PDB file of N, CA and C in Angstrom:
ATOM      1  N   MET A   1     133.073  59.196  78.543  1.00  0.00           N
ATOM      2  CA  MET A   1     131.899  60.000  78.314  1.00  0.00           C
ATOM      3  C   MET A   1     130.767  59.638  79.265  1.00  0.00           C
ATOM      4  N   LYS A   2     130.786  58.403  79.764  1.00  0.00           N
ATOM      5  CA  LYS A   2     129.737  57.989  80.674  1.00  0.00           C
ATOM      6  C   LYS A   2     129.763  58.795  81.968  1.00  0.00           C
ATOM      7  N   SER A   3     130.939  59.262  82.385  1.00  0.00           N
ATOM      8  CA  SER A   3     131.036  60.034  83.622  1.00  0.00           C
ATOM      9  C   SER A   3     130.290  61.353  83.503  1.00  0.00           C
ATOM     10  N   ALA A   4     130.174  61.908  82.319  1.00  0.00           N
ATOM     11  CA  ALA A   4     129.439  63.154  82.119  1.00  0.00           C
ATOM     12  C   ALA A   4     127.952  62.955  82.343  1.00  0.00           C
ATOM     13  N   THR A   5     127.435  61.774  82.097  1.00  0.00           N
ATOM     14  CA  THR A   5     126.017  61.531  82.306  1.00  0.00           C
ATOM     15  C   THR A   5     125.708  61.319  83.784  1.00  0.00           C
ATOM     16  N   TYR A   6     126.696  60.930  84.565  1.00  0.00           N
ATOM     17  CA  TYR A   6     126.499  60.740  86.010  1.00  0.00           C
ATOM     18  C   TYR A   6     126.639  62.045  86.802  1.00  0.00           C
ATOM     19  N   PHE A   7     127.239  63.052  86.202  1.00  0.00           N
ATOM     20  CA  PHE A   7     127.487  64.306  86.908  1.00  0.00           C
ATOM     21  C   PHE A   7     126.213  64.956  87.455  1.00  0.00           C
ATOM     22  N   PRO A   8     125.153  65.104  86.649  1.00  0.00           N
ATOM     23  CA  PRO A   8     123.928  65.716  87.208  1.00  0.00           C
ATOM     24  C   PRO A   8     123.354  64.902  88.369  1.00  0.00           C
ATOM     25  N   ALA A   9     123.435  63.601  88.290  1.00  0.00           N
ATOM     26  CA  ALA A   9     122.924  62.764  89.386  1.00  0.00           C
ATOM     27  C   ALA A   9     123.751  62.968  90.644  1.00  0.00           C
ATOM     28  N   LEU A  10     125.058  63.110  90.489  1.00  0.00           N
ATOM     29  CA  LEU A  10     125.933  63.352  91.637  1.00  0.00           C
ATOM     30  C   LEU A  10     125.650  64.711  92.279  1.00  0.00           C
ATOM     31  N   VAL A  11     125.400  65.710  91.451  1.00  0.00           N
ATOM     32  CA  VAL A  11     125.082  67.047  91.963  1.00  0.00           C
ATOM     33  C   VAL A  11     123.778  67.006  92.752  1.00  0.00           C
ATOM     34  N   ILE A  12     122.792  66.336  92.222  1.00  0.00           N
ATOM     35  CA  ILE A  12     121.499  66.231  92.913  1.00  0.00           C
ATOM     36  C   ILE A  12     121.669  65.469  94.226  1.00  0.00           C
ATOM     37  N   ALA A  13     122.422  64.379  94.200  1.00  0.00           N
ATOM     38  CA  ALA A  13     122.657  63.604  95.428  1.00  0.00           C
ATOM     39  C   ALA A  13     123.368  64.450  96.473  1.00  0.00           C
ATOM     40  N   ALA A  14     124.349  65.239  96.044  1.00  0.00           N
ATOM     41  CA  ALA A  14     125.076  66.099  96.979  1.00  0.00           C
ATOM     42  C   ALA A  14     124.155  67.149  97.588  1.00  0.00           C
ATOM     43  N   LEU A  15     123.286  67.713  96.783  1.00  0.00           N
ATOM     44  CA  LEU A  15     122.342  68.712  97.301  1.00  0.00           C
ATOM     45  C   LEU A  15     121.369  68.094  98.302  1.00  0.00           C
ATOM     46  N   LEU A  16     120.926  66.885  98.038  1.00  0.00           N
ATOM     47  CA  LEU A  16     120.035  66.208  98.977  1.00  0.00           C
ATOM     48  C   LEU A  16     120.728  65.932 100.303  1.00  0.00           C
ATOM     49  N   VAL A  17     121.983  65.531 100.245  1.00  0.00           N
ATOM     50  CA  VAL A  17     122.747  65.284 101.472  1.00  0.00           C
ATOM     51  C   VAL A  17     122.902  66.583 102.259  1.00  0.00           C
ATOM     52  N   LEU A  18     123.202  67.662 101.578  1.00  0.00           N
ATOM     53  CA  LEU A  18     123.346  68.950 102.257  1.00  0.00           C
ATOM     54  C   LEU A  18     122.028  69.409 102.868  1.00  0.00           C
ATOM     55  N   ALA A  19     120.935  69.211 102.145  1.00  0.00           N
ATOM     56  CA  ALA A  19     119.628  69.611 102.662  1.00  0.00           C
ATOM     57  C   ALA A  19     119.243  68.785 103.886  1.00  0.00           C
ATOM     58  N   ALA A  20     119.585  67.516 103.886  1.00  0.00           N
ATOM     59  CA  ALA A  20     119.274  66.647 105.032  1.00  0.00           C
ATOM     60  C   ALA A  20     120.104  67.024 106.244  1.00  0.00           C
ATOM     61  N   GLY A  21     121.251  67.627 106.023  1.00  0.00           N
ATOM     62  CA  GLY A  21     122.119  68.023 107.128  1.00  0.00           C
ATOM     63  C   GLY A  21     121.863  69.442 107.593  1.00  0.00           C
ATOM     64  N   ALA A  22     120.629  69.920 107.475  1.00  0.00           N
ATOM     65  CA  ALA A  22     120.279  71.266 107.934  1.00  0.00           C
ATOM     66  C   ALA A  22     120.572  71.402 109.416  1.00  0.00           C
ATOM     67  N   PRO A  23     120.806  72.603 109.892  1.00  0.00           N
ATOM     68  CA  PRO A  23     121.125  72.785 111.313  1.00  0.00           C
ATOM     69  C   PRO A  23     120.086  72.135 112.218  1.00  0.00           C
ATOM     70  N   ALA A  24     120.575  71.515 113.285  1.00  0.00           N
ATOM     71  CA  ALA A  24     119.696  70.780 114.200  1.00  0.00           C
ATOM     72  C   ALA A  24     118.660  71.683 114.848  1.00  0.00           C
ATOM     73  N   ALA A  25     118.981  72.941 115.049  1.00  0.00           N
ATOM     74  CA  ALA A  25     118.050  73.858 115.713  1.00  0.00           C
ATOM     75  C   ALA A  25     116.752  74.007 114.919  1.00  0.00           C
ATOM     76  N   GLU A  26     116.842  73.874 113.603  1.00  0.00           N
ATOM     77  CA  GLU A  26     115.642  74.016 112.782  1.00  0.00           C
ATOM     78  C   GLU A  26     114.709  72.824 112.955  1.00  0.00           C
ATOM     79  N   ARG A  27     115.253  71.661 113.326  1.00  0.00           N
ATOM     80  CA  ARG A  27     114.435  70.469 113.438  1.00  0.00           C
ATOM     81  C   ARG A  27     113.959  70.212 114.856  1.00  0.00           C
ATOM     82  N   LEU A  28     114.466  70.938 115.814  1.00  0.00           N
ATOM     83  CA  LEU A  28     114.070  70.730 117.201  1.00  0.00           C
ATOM     84  C   LEU A  28     112.691  71.320 117.452  1.00  0.00           C
ATOM     85  N   PRO A  29     111.915  70.678 118.316  1.00  0.00           N
ATOM     86  CA  PRO A  29     110.620  71.262 118.659  1.00  0.00           C
ATOM     87  C   PRO A  29     110.832  72.556 119.452  1.00  0.00           C
ATOM     88  N   ASP A  30     109.870  73.414 119.378  1.00  0.00           N
ATOM     89  CA  ASP A  30     109.934  74.673 120.114  1.00  0.00           C
ATOM     90  C   ASP A  30     109.987  74.361 121.606  1.00  0.00           C
ATOM     91  N   PRO A  31     110.992  74.844 122.332  1.00  0.00           N
ATOM     92  CA  PRO A  31     111.094  74.512 123.752  1.00  0.00           C
ATOM     93  C   PRO A  31     109.906  75.011 124.570  1.00  0.00           C
ATOM     94  N   SER A  32     109.286  76.086 124.155  1.00  0.00           N
ATOM     95  CA  SER A  32     108.124  76.565 124.911  1.00  0.00           C
ATOM     96  C   SER A  32     106.949  75.596 124.770  1.00  0.00           C
ATOM     97  N   ASP A  33     106.815  74.969 123.595  1.00  0.00           N
ATOM     98  CA  ASP A  33     105.769  73.951 123.414  1.00  0.00           C
ATOM     99  C   ASP A  33     106.058  72.729 124.286  1.00  0.00           C
ATOM    100  N   SER A  34     107.314  72.298 124.281  1.00  0.00           N
ATOM    101  CA  SER A  34     107.699  71.149 125.112  1.00  0.00           C
ATOM    102  C   SER A  34     107.504  71.464 126.587  1.00  0.00           C
ATOM    103  N   TYR A  35     107.851  72.678 126.992  1.00  0.00           N
ATOM    104  CA  TYR A  35     107.686  73.065 128.394  1.00  0.00           C
ATOM    105  C   TYR A  35     106.204  73.094 128.770  1.00  0.00           C
ATOM    106  N   SER A  36     105.371  73.572 127.863  1.00  0.00           N
ATOM    107  CA  SER A  36     103.926  73.591 128.122  1.00  0.00           C
ATOM    108  C   SER A  36     103.376  72.180 128.287  1.00  0.00           C
ATOM    109  N   ARG A  37     103.827  71.253 127.437  1.00  0.00           N
ATOM    110  CA  ARG A  37     103.395  69.859 127.571  1.00  0.00           C
ATOM    111  C   ARG A  37     103.885  69.274 128.892  1.00  0.00           C
ATOM    112  N   ALA A  38     105.122  69.583 129.260  1.00  0.00           N
ATOM    113  CA  ALA A  38     105.669  69.088 130.520  1.00  0.00           C
ATOM    114  C   ALA A  38     104.879  69.652 131.696  1.00  0.00           C
ATOM    115  N   SER A  39     104.517  70.918 131.629  1.00  0.00           N
ATOM    116  CA  SER A  39     103.739  71.541 132.708  1.00  0.00           C
ATOM    117  C   SER A  39     102.353  70.910 132.823  1.00  0.00           C
ATOM    118  N   ALA A  40     101.745  70.598 131.689  1.00  0.00           N
ATOM    119  CA  ALA A  40     100.430  69.946 131.708  1.00  0.00           C
ATOM    120  C   ALA A  40     100.540  68.554 132.325  1.00  0.00           C
ATOM    121  N   LEU A  41     101.583  67.809 131.968  1.00  0.00           N
ATOM    122  CA  LEU A  41     101.803  66.490 132.564  1.00  0.00           C
ATOM    123  C   LEU A  41     102.061  66.603 134.065  1.00  0.00           C
ATOM    124  N   TYR A  42     102.808  67.614 134.452  1.00  0.00           N
ATOM    125  CA  TYR A  42     103.086  67.877 135.868  1.00  0.00           C
ATOM    126  C   TYR A  42     101.781  68.119 136.630  1.00  0.00           C
ATOM    127  N   GLN A  43     100.926  68.966 136.081  1.00  0.00           N
ATOM    128  CA  GLN A  43      99.640  69.257 136.723  1.00  0.00           C
ATOM    129  C   GLN A  43      98.763  68.011 136.796  1.00  0.00           C
ATOM    130  N   ASP A  44      98.747  67.226 135.722  1.00  0.00           N
ATOM    131  CA  ASP A  44      97.985  65.972 135.725  1.00  0.00           C
ATOM    132  C   ASP A  44      98.530  65.028 136.793  1.00  0.00           C
ATOM    133  N   GLY A  45      99.861  65.011 136.940  1.00  0.00           N
ATOM    134  CA  GLY A  45     100.486  64.182 137.966  1.00  0.00           C
ATOM    135  C   GLY A  45     100.083  64.609 139.358  1.00  0.00           C
ATOM    136  N   LEU A  46     100.039  65.917 139.598  1.00  0.00           N
ATOM    137  CA  LEU A  46      99.617  66.419 140.913  1.00  0.00           C
ATOM    138  C   LEU A  46      98.162  66.058 141.204  1.00  0.00           C
ATOM    139  N   LYS A  47      97.317  66.158 140.183  1.00  0.00           N
ATOM    140  CA  LYS A  47      95.908  65.781 140.363  1.00  0.00           C
ATOM    141  C   LYS A  47      95.782  64.294 140.679  1.00  0.00           C
ATOM    142  N   ALA A  48      96.600  63.484 140.026  1.00  0.00           N
ATOM    143  CA  ALA A  48      96.570  62.041 140.289  1.00  0.00           C
ATOM    144  C   ALA A  48      97.042  61.743 141.710  1.00  0.00           C
ATOM    145  N   VAL A  49      98.034  62.488 142.193  1.00  0.00           N
ATOM    146  CA  VAL A  49      98.491  62.318 143.580  1.00  0.00           C
ATOM    147  C   VAL A  49      97.348  62.613 144.534  1.00  0.00           C
ATOM    148  N   GLU A  50      96.657  63.727 144.300  1.00  0.00           N
ATOM    149  CA  GLU A  50      95.536  64.126 145.161  1.00  0.00           C
ATOM    150  C   GLU A  50      94.411  63.097 145.122  1.00  0.00           C
ATOM    151  N   ALA A  51      94.238  62.446 143.983  1.00  0.00           N
ATOM    152  CA  ALA A  51      93.180  61.448 143.832  1.00  0.00           C
ATOM    153  C   ALA A  51      93.610  60.074 144.347  1.00  0.00           C
ATOM    154  N   GLY A  52      94.862  59.980 144.799  1.00  0.00           N
ATOM    155  CA  GLY A  52      95.348  58.708 145.318  1.00  0.00           C
ATOM    156  C   GLY A  52      95.749  57.714 144.242  1.00  0.00           C
ATOM    157  N   LYS A  53      95.957  58.194 143.038  1.00  0.00           N
ATOM    158  CA  LYS A  53      96.340  57.326 141.918  1.00  0.00           C
ATOM    159  C   LYS A  53      97.855  57.419 141.724  1.00  0.00           C
ATOM    160  N   ARG A  54      98.573  56.708 142.587  1.00  0.00           N
ATOM    161  CA  ARG A  54     100.022  56.806 142.639  1.00  0.00           C
ATOM    162  C   ARG A  54     100.692  56.439 141.315  1.00  0.00           C
ATOM    163  N   GLU A  55     100.313  55.313 140.733  1.00  0.00           N
ATOM    164  CA  GLU A  55     100.979  54.862 139.511  1.00  0.00           C
ATOM    165  C   GLU A  55     100.735  55.817 138.346  1.00  0.00           C
ATOM    166  N   THR A  56      99.527  56.351 138.256  1.00  0.00           N
ATOM    167  CA  THR A  56      99.230  57.337 137.224  1.00  0.00           C
ATOM    168  C   THR A  56     100.073  58.577 137.442  1.00  0.00           C
ATOM    169  N   ALA A  57     100.166  59.007 138.698  1.00  0.00           N
ATOM    170  CA  ALA A  57     100.952  60.195 139.034  1.00  0.00           C
ATOM    171  C   ALA A  57     102.416  59.998 138.660  1.00  0.00           C
ATOM    172  N   VAL A  58     102.959  58.860 139.011  1.00  0.00           N
ATOM    173  CA  VAL A  58     104.371  58.586 138.710  1.00  0.00           C
ATOM    174  C   VAL A  58     104.593  58.586 137.206  1.00  0.00           C
ATOM    175  N   GLY A  59     103.697  57.976 136.460  1.00  0.00           N
ATOM    176  CA  GLY A  59     103.830  57.952 135.005  1.00  0.00           C
ATOM    177  C   GLY A  59     103.809  59.348 134.394  1.00  0.00           C
ATOM    178  N   LYS A  60     102.864  60.169 134.835  1.00  0.00           N
ATOM    179  CA  LYS A  60     102.753  61.535 134.312  1.00  0.00           C
ATOM    180  C   LYS A  60     103.989  62.353 134.682  1.00  0.00           C
ATOM    181  N   LEU A  61     104.422  62.217 135.928  1.00  0.00           N
ATOM    182  CA  LEU A  61     105.574  62.991 136.388  1.00  0.00           C
ATOM    183  C   LEU A  61     106.867  62.550 135.701  1.00  0.00           C
ATOM    184  N   LYS A  62     107.014  61.266 135.455  1.00  0.00           N
ATOM    185  CA  LYS A  62     108.202  60.790 134.741  1.00  0.00           C
ATOM    186  C   LYS A  62     108.200  61.289 133.297  1.00  0.00           C
ATOM    187  N   SER A  63     107.030  61.341 132.685  1.00  0.00           N
ATOM    188  CA  SER A  63     106.942  61.875 131.319  1.00  0.00           C
ATOM    189  C   SER A  63     107.305  63.360 131.304  1.00  0.00           C
ATOM    190  N   ALA A  64     106.825  64.095 132.285  1.00  0.00           N
ATOM    191  CA  ALA A  64     107.162  65.518 132.401  1.00  0.00           C
ATOM    192  C   ALA A  64     108.667  65.685 132.606  1.00  0.00           C
ATOM    193  N   LYS A  65     109.241  64.849 133.451  1.00  0.00           N
ATOM    194  CA  LYS A  65     110.682  64.906 133.722  1.00  0.00           C
ATOM    195  C   LYS A  65     111.475  64.666 132.438  1.00  0.00           C
ATOM    196  N   THR A  66     111.057  63.700 131.652  1.00  0.00           N
ATOM    197  CA  THR A  66     111.747  63.387 130.399  1.00  0.00           C
ATOM    198  C   THR A  66     111.706  64.579 129.444  1.00  0.00           C
ATOM    199  N   LEU A  67     110.553  65.215 129.325  1.00  0.00           N
ATOM    200  CA  LEU A  67     110.439  66.394 128.453  1.00  0.00           C
ATOM    201  C   LEU A  67     111.343  67.523 128.929  1.00  0.00           C
ATOM    202  N   ILE A  68     111.358  67.754 130.230  1.00  0.00           N
ATOM    203  CA  ILE A  68     112.199  68.820 130.787  1.00  0.00           C
ATOM    204  C   ILE A  68     113.673  68.511 130.525  1.00  0.00           C
ATOM    205  N   GLN A  69     114.065  67.262 130.713  1.00  0.00           N
ATOM    206  CA  GLN A  69     115.459  66.877 130.461  1.00  0.00           C
ATOM    207  C   GLN A  69     115.822  67.050 128.992  1.00  0.00           C
ATOM    208  N   LYS A  70     114.887  66.770 128.099  1.00  0.00           N
ATOM    209  CA  LYS A  70     115.144  66.959 126.672  1.00  0.00           C
ATOM    210  C   LYS A  70     115.350  68.435 126.353  1.00  0.00           C
ATOM    211  N   ILE A  71     114.581  69.296 126.994  1.00  0.00           N
ATOM    212  CA  ILE A  71     114.761  70.737 126.796  1.00  0.00           C
ATOM    213  C   ILE A  71     116.160  71.138 127.267  1.00  0.00           C
ATOM    214  N   MET A  72     116.544  70.643 128.429  1.00  0.00           N
ATOM    215  CA  MET A  72     117.854  70.994 128.982  1.00  0.00           C
ATOM    216  C   MET A  72     118.990  70.538 128.064  1.00  0.00           C
ATOM    217  N   GLN A  73     118.827  69.388 127.443  1.00  0.00           N
ATOM    218  CA  GLN A  73     119.878  68.849 126.577  1.00  0.00           C
ATOM    219  C   GLN A  73     119.906  69.534 125.218  1.00  0.00           C
ATOM    220  N   SER A  74     118.737  69.749 124.642  1.00  0.00           N
ATOM    221  CA  SER A  74     118.697  70.273 123.276  1.00  0.00           C
ATOM    222  C   SER A  74     118.739  71.798 123.214  1.00  0.00           C
ATOM    223  N   GLN A  75     118.243  72.465 124.236  1.00  0.00           N
ATOM    224  CA  GLN A  75     118.181  73.927 124.263  1.00  0.00           C
ATOM    225  C   GLN A  75     118.672  74.444 125.621  1.00  0.00           C
ATOM    226  N   PRO A  76     119.938  74.241 125.960  1.00  0.00           N
ATOM    227  CA  PRO A  76     120.419  74.593 127.297  1.00  0.00           C
ATOM    228  C   PRO A  76     120.287  76.073 127.641  1.00  0.00           C
ATOM    229  N   GLY A  77     120.201  76.930 126.662  1.00  0.00           N
ATOM    230  CA  GLY A  77     120.082  78.363 126.925  1.00  0.00           C
ATOM    231  C   GLY A  77     118.659  78.848 127.108  1.00  0.00           C
ATOM    232  N   TRP A  78     117.675  77.967 126.929  1.00  0.00           N
ATOM    233  CA  TRP A  78     116.280  78.389 127.017  1.00  0.00           C
ATOM    234  C   TRP A  78     115.808  78.342 128.464  1.00  0.00           C
ATOM    235  N   GLN A  79     115.554  79.483 129.058  1.00  0.00           N
ATOM    236  CA  GLN A  79     114.984  79.622 130.405  1.00  0.00           C
ATOM    237  C   GLN A  79     115.610  78.636 131.410  1.00  0.00           C
ATOM    238  N   PRO A  80     116.930  78.666 131.584  1.00  0.00           N
ATOM    239  CA  PRO A  80     117.569  77.645 132.430  1.00  0.00           C
ATOM    240  C   PRO A  80     117.065  77.631 133.878  1.00  0.00           C
ATOM    241  N   ALA A  81     116.789  78.780 134.443  1.00  0.00           N
ATOM    242  CA  ALA A  81     116.312  78.812 135.837  1.00  0.00           C
ATOM    243  C   ALA A  81     114.930  78.175 135.951  1.00  0.00           C
ATOM    244  N   LEU A  82     114.057  78.487 135.018  1.00  0.00           N
ATOM    245  CA  LEU A  82     112.702  77.936 135.029  1.00  0.00           C
ATOM    246  C   LEU A  82     112.718  76.422 134.826  1.00  0.00           C
ATOM    247  N   VAL A  83     113.509  75.977 133.872  1.00  0.00           N
ATOM    248  CA  VAL A  83     113.589  74.548 133.559  1.00  0.00           C
ATOM    249  C   VAL A  83     114.185  73.774 134.741  1.00  0.00           C
ATOM    250  N   THR A  84     115.245  74.314 135.338  1.00  0.00           N
ATOM    251  CA  THR A  84     115.880  73.658 136.487  1.00  0.00           C
ATOM    252  C   THR A  84     114.920  73.599 137.670  1.00  0.00           C
ATOM    253  N   TYR A  85     114.200  74.679 137.903  1.00  0.00           N
ATOM    254  CA  TYR A  85     113.232  74.726 139.007  1.00  0.00           C
ATOM    255  C   TYR A  85     112.149  73.657 138.822  1.00  0.00           C
ATOM    256  N   LYS A  86     111.599  73.563 137.611  1.00  0.00           N
ATOM    257  CA  LYS A  86     110.530  72.589 137.344  1.00  0.00           C
ATOM    258  C   LYS A  86     111.067  71.163 137.498  1.00  0.00           C
ATOM    259  N   LEU A  87     112.275  70.922 137.008  1.00  0.00           N
ATOM    260  CA  LEU A  87     112.863  69.594 137.130  1.00  0.00           C
ATOM    261  C   LEU A  87     113.051  69.218 138.603  1.00  0.00           C
ATOM    262  N   GLN A  88     113.517  70.158 139.412  1.00  0.00           N
ATOM    263  CA  GLN A  88     113.703  69.879 140.839  1.00  0.00           C
ATOM    264  C   GLN A  88     112.377  69.580 141.528  1.00  0.00           C
ATOM    265  N   LYS A  89     111.344  70.330 141.184  1.00  0.00           N
ATOM    266  CA  LYS A  89     110.026  70.078 141.775  1.00  0.00           C
ATOM    267  C   LYS A  89     109.533  68.676 141.421  1.00  0.00           C
ATOM    268  N   ILE A  90     109.677  68.315 140.159  1.00  0.00           N
ATOM    269  CA  ILE A  90     109.236  66.990 139.711  1.00  0.00           C
ATOM    270  C   ILE A  90     110.020  65.897 140.434  1.00  0.00           C
ATOM    271  N   GLU A  91     111.328  66.052 140.485  1.00  0.00           N
ATOM    272  CA  GLU A  91     112.160  65.046 141.147  1.00  0.00           C
ATOM    273  C   GLU A  91     111.824  64.920 142.633  1.00  0.00           C
ATOM    274  N   ASN A  92     111.553  66.044 143.293  1.00  0.00           N
ATOM    275  CA  ASN A  92     111.191  66.003 144.712  1.00  0.00           C
ATOM    276  C   ASN A  92     109.886  65.247 144.932  1.00  0.00           C
ATOM    277  N   ILE A  93     108.906  65.478 144.081  1.00  0.00           N
ATOM    278  CA  ILE A  93     107.622  64.790 144.214  1.00  0.00           C
ATOM    279  C   ILE A  93     107.800  63.295 143.943  1.00  0.00           C
ATOM    280  N   LEU A  94     108.590  62.959 142.926  1.00  0.00           N
ATOM    281  CA  LEU A  94     108.839  61.546 142.631  1.00  0.00           C
ATOM    282  C   LEU A  94     109.546  60.855 143.795  1.00  0.00           C
ATOM    283  N   LYS A  95     110.510  61.540 144.418  1.00  0.00           N
ATOM    284  CA  LYS A  95     111.191  60.969 145.588  1.00  0.00           C
ATOM    285  C   LYS A  95     110.212  60.755 146.725  1.00  0.00           C
ATOM    286  N   GLU A  96     109.363  61.739 146.952  1.00  0.00           N
ATOM    287  CA  GLU A  96     108.367  61.642 148.016  1.00  0.00           C
ATOM    288  C   GLU A  96     107.415  60.473 147.760  1.00  0.00           C
ATOM    289  N   LEU A  97     106.972  60.349 146.528  1.00  0.00           N
ATOM    290  CA  LEU A  97     106.066  59.245 146.188  1.00  0.00           C
ATOM    291  C   LEU A  97     106.741  57.892 146.363  1.00  0.00           C
ATOM    292  N   SER A  98     108.004  57.792 145.960  1.00  0.00           N
ATOM    293  CA  SER A  98     108.685  56.507 146.089  1.00  0.00           C
ATOM    294  C   SER A  98     108.971  56.183 147.546  1.00  0.00           C
ATOM    295  N   SER A  99     109.267  57.186 148.373  1.00  0.00           N
ATOM    296  CA  SER A  99     109.519  56.898 149.790  1.00  0.00           C
ATOM    297  C   SER A  99     108.221  56.534 150.505  1.00  0.00           C
ATOM    298  N   LYS A 100     107.130  57.188 150.167  1.00  0.00           N
ATOM    299  CA  LYS A 100     105.836  56.838 150.760  1.00  0.00           C
ATOM    300  C   LYS A 100     105.434  55.430 150.344  1.00  0.00           C
ATOM    301  N   HIS A 101     105.667  55.117 149.079  1.00  0.00           N
ATOM    302  CA  HIS A 101     105.316  53.789 148.569  1.00  0.00           C
ATOM    303  C   HIS A 101     106.158  52.724 149.263  1.00  0.00           C
ATOM    304  N   ALA A 102     107.432  53.001 149.454  1.00  0.00           N
ATOM    305  CA  ALA A 102     108.322  52.043 150.118  1.00  0.00           C
ATOM    306  C   ALA A 102     107.893  51.828 151.564  1.00  0.00           C
ATOM    307  N   GLN A 103     107.426  52.877 152.223  1.00  0.00           N
ATOM    308  CA  GLN A 103     106.982  52.763 153.611  1.00  0.00           C
ATOM    309  C   GLN A 103     105.692  51.965 153.713  1.00  0.00           C
ATOM    310  N   GLN A 104     104.862  52.022 152.688  1.00  0.00           N
ATOM    311  CA  GLN A 104     103.572  51.351 152.718  1.00  0.00           C
ATOM    312  C   GLN A 104     103.665  49.893 152.293  1.00  0.00           C
ATOM    313  N   GLN A 105     104.706  49.515 151.575  1.00  0.00           N
ATOM    314  CA  GLN A 105     104.831  48.164 151.051  1.00  0.00           C
ATOM    315  C   GLN A 105     105.662  47.292 151.990  1.00  0.00           C
ATOM    316  N   PRO A 106     105.171  46.115 152.335  1.00  0.00           N
ATOM    317  CA  PRO A 106     105.998  45.206 153.123  1.00  0.00           C
ATOM    318  C   PRO A 106     107.182  44.728 152.289  1.00  0.00           C
ATOM    319  N   LEU A 107     108.296  44.453 152.965  1.00  0.00           N
ATOM    320  CA  LEU A 107     109.487  44.003 152.253  1.00  0.00           C
ATOM    321  C   LEU A 107     109.262  42.660 151.589  1.00  0.00           C
ATOM    322  N   VAL A 108     108.545  41.772 152.266  1.00  0.00           N
ATOM    323  CA  VAL A 108     108.216  40.474 151.700  1.00  0.00           C
ATOM    324  C   VAL A 108     106.703  40.433 151.551  1.00  0.00           C
ATOM    325  N   PRO A 109     106.212  40.181 150.345  1.00  0.00           N
ATOM    326  CA  PRO A 109     104.754  40.160 150.158  1.00  0.00           C
ATOM    327  C   PRO A 109     104.092  39.186 151.123  1.00  0.00           C
ATOM    328  N   GLY A 110     103.011  39.652 151.709  1.00  0.00           N
ATOM    329  CA  GLY A 110     102.239  38.807 152.619  1.00  0.00           C
ATOM    330  C   GLY A 110     102.666  38.917 154.070  1.00  0.00           C
ATOM    331  N   THR A 111     103.712  39.693 154.353  1.00  0.00           N
ATOM    332  CA  THR A 111     104.133  39.857 155.743  1.00  0.00           C
ATOM    333  C   THR A 111     103.798  41.273 156.193  1.00  0.00           C
ATOM    334  N   PRO A 112     103.414  41.419 157.450  1.00  0.00           N
ATOM    335  CA  PRO A 112     103.083  42.774 157.916  1.00  0.00           C
ATOM    336  C   PRO A 112     104.350  43.630 157.972  1.00  0.00           C
ATOM    337  N   GLN A 113     104.137  44.911 157.735  1.00  0.00           N
ATOM    338  CA  GLN A 113     105.259  45.841 157.757  1.00  0.00           C
ATOM    339  C   GLN A 113     105.417  46.402 159.166  1.00  0.00           C
ATOM    340  N   MET A 114     106.638  46.491 159.608  1.00  0.00           N
ATOM    341  CA  MET A 114     106.918  47.044 160.928  1.00  0.00           C
ATOM    342  C   MET A 114     107.445  48.444 160.728  1.00  0.00           C
ATOM    343  N   VAL A 115     106.844  49.415 161.373  1.00  0.00           N
ATOM    344  CA  VAL A 115     107.273  50.794 161.273  1.00  0.00           C
ATOM    345  C   VAL A 115     107.765  51.231 162.635  1.00  0.00           C
ATOM    346  N   ALA A 116     108.959  51.763 162.674  1.00  0.00           N
ATOM    347  CA  ALA A 116     109.522  52.233 163.942  1.00  0.00           C
ATOM    348  C   ALA A 116     108.814  53.504 164.360  1.00  0.00           C
ATOM    349  N   SER A 117     108.476  53.603 165.617  1.00  0.00           N
ATOM    350  CA  SER A 117     107.824  54.808 166.114  1.00  0.00           C
ATOM    351  C   SER A 117     108.877  55.759 166.639  1.00  0.00           C
ATOM    352  N   PRO A 118     108.626  57.060 166.494  1.00  0.00           N
ATOM    353  CA  PRO A 118     109.614  58.072 166.917  1.00  0.00           C
ATOM    354  C   PRO A 118     109.783  58.149 168.398  1.00  0.00           C
TER     355      PRO A 118
END
C-alpha cells in the first residue's frame, strides 16, 4: 500500500523532468540579439583600433567572434551568409592586429628589432 502513496510524487517528478527537457530552441537567446551585441562589440573594437588601443580592440573583437561562433553553432540556419561574412571580417582584423603587433615587438625583450627592407 505504501507504493500507492509514492505514485503522485513520481508523477510530479516525471512532469518536472519532462518540463526541464523542453526543446533547446526555446532556451536559446534570440540570434538577432546576439548578432546585434556582436556587431556593437565589433564597432567598439574598430574604434579602439583607431584610437591605438590594441589590447582593448583585441578583447572586443574576440568577444564579438565568440558571439558569432555561438550563433553559428546554435542556430546554423540563421542568416548564414551574414554571420560568415562578419566572422571573416573579425578574423581578418584580428590577424592584422596580431601581425602588426608581432612586427612591433622585439623577439627578445630589451633587444632592438630588425626589420628587413624590401
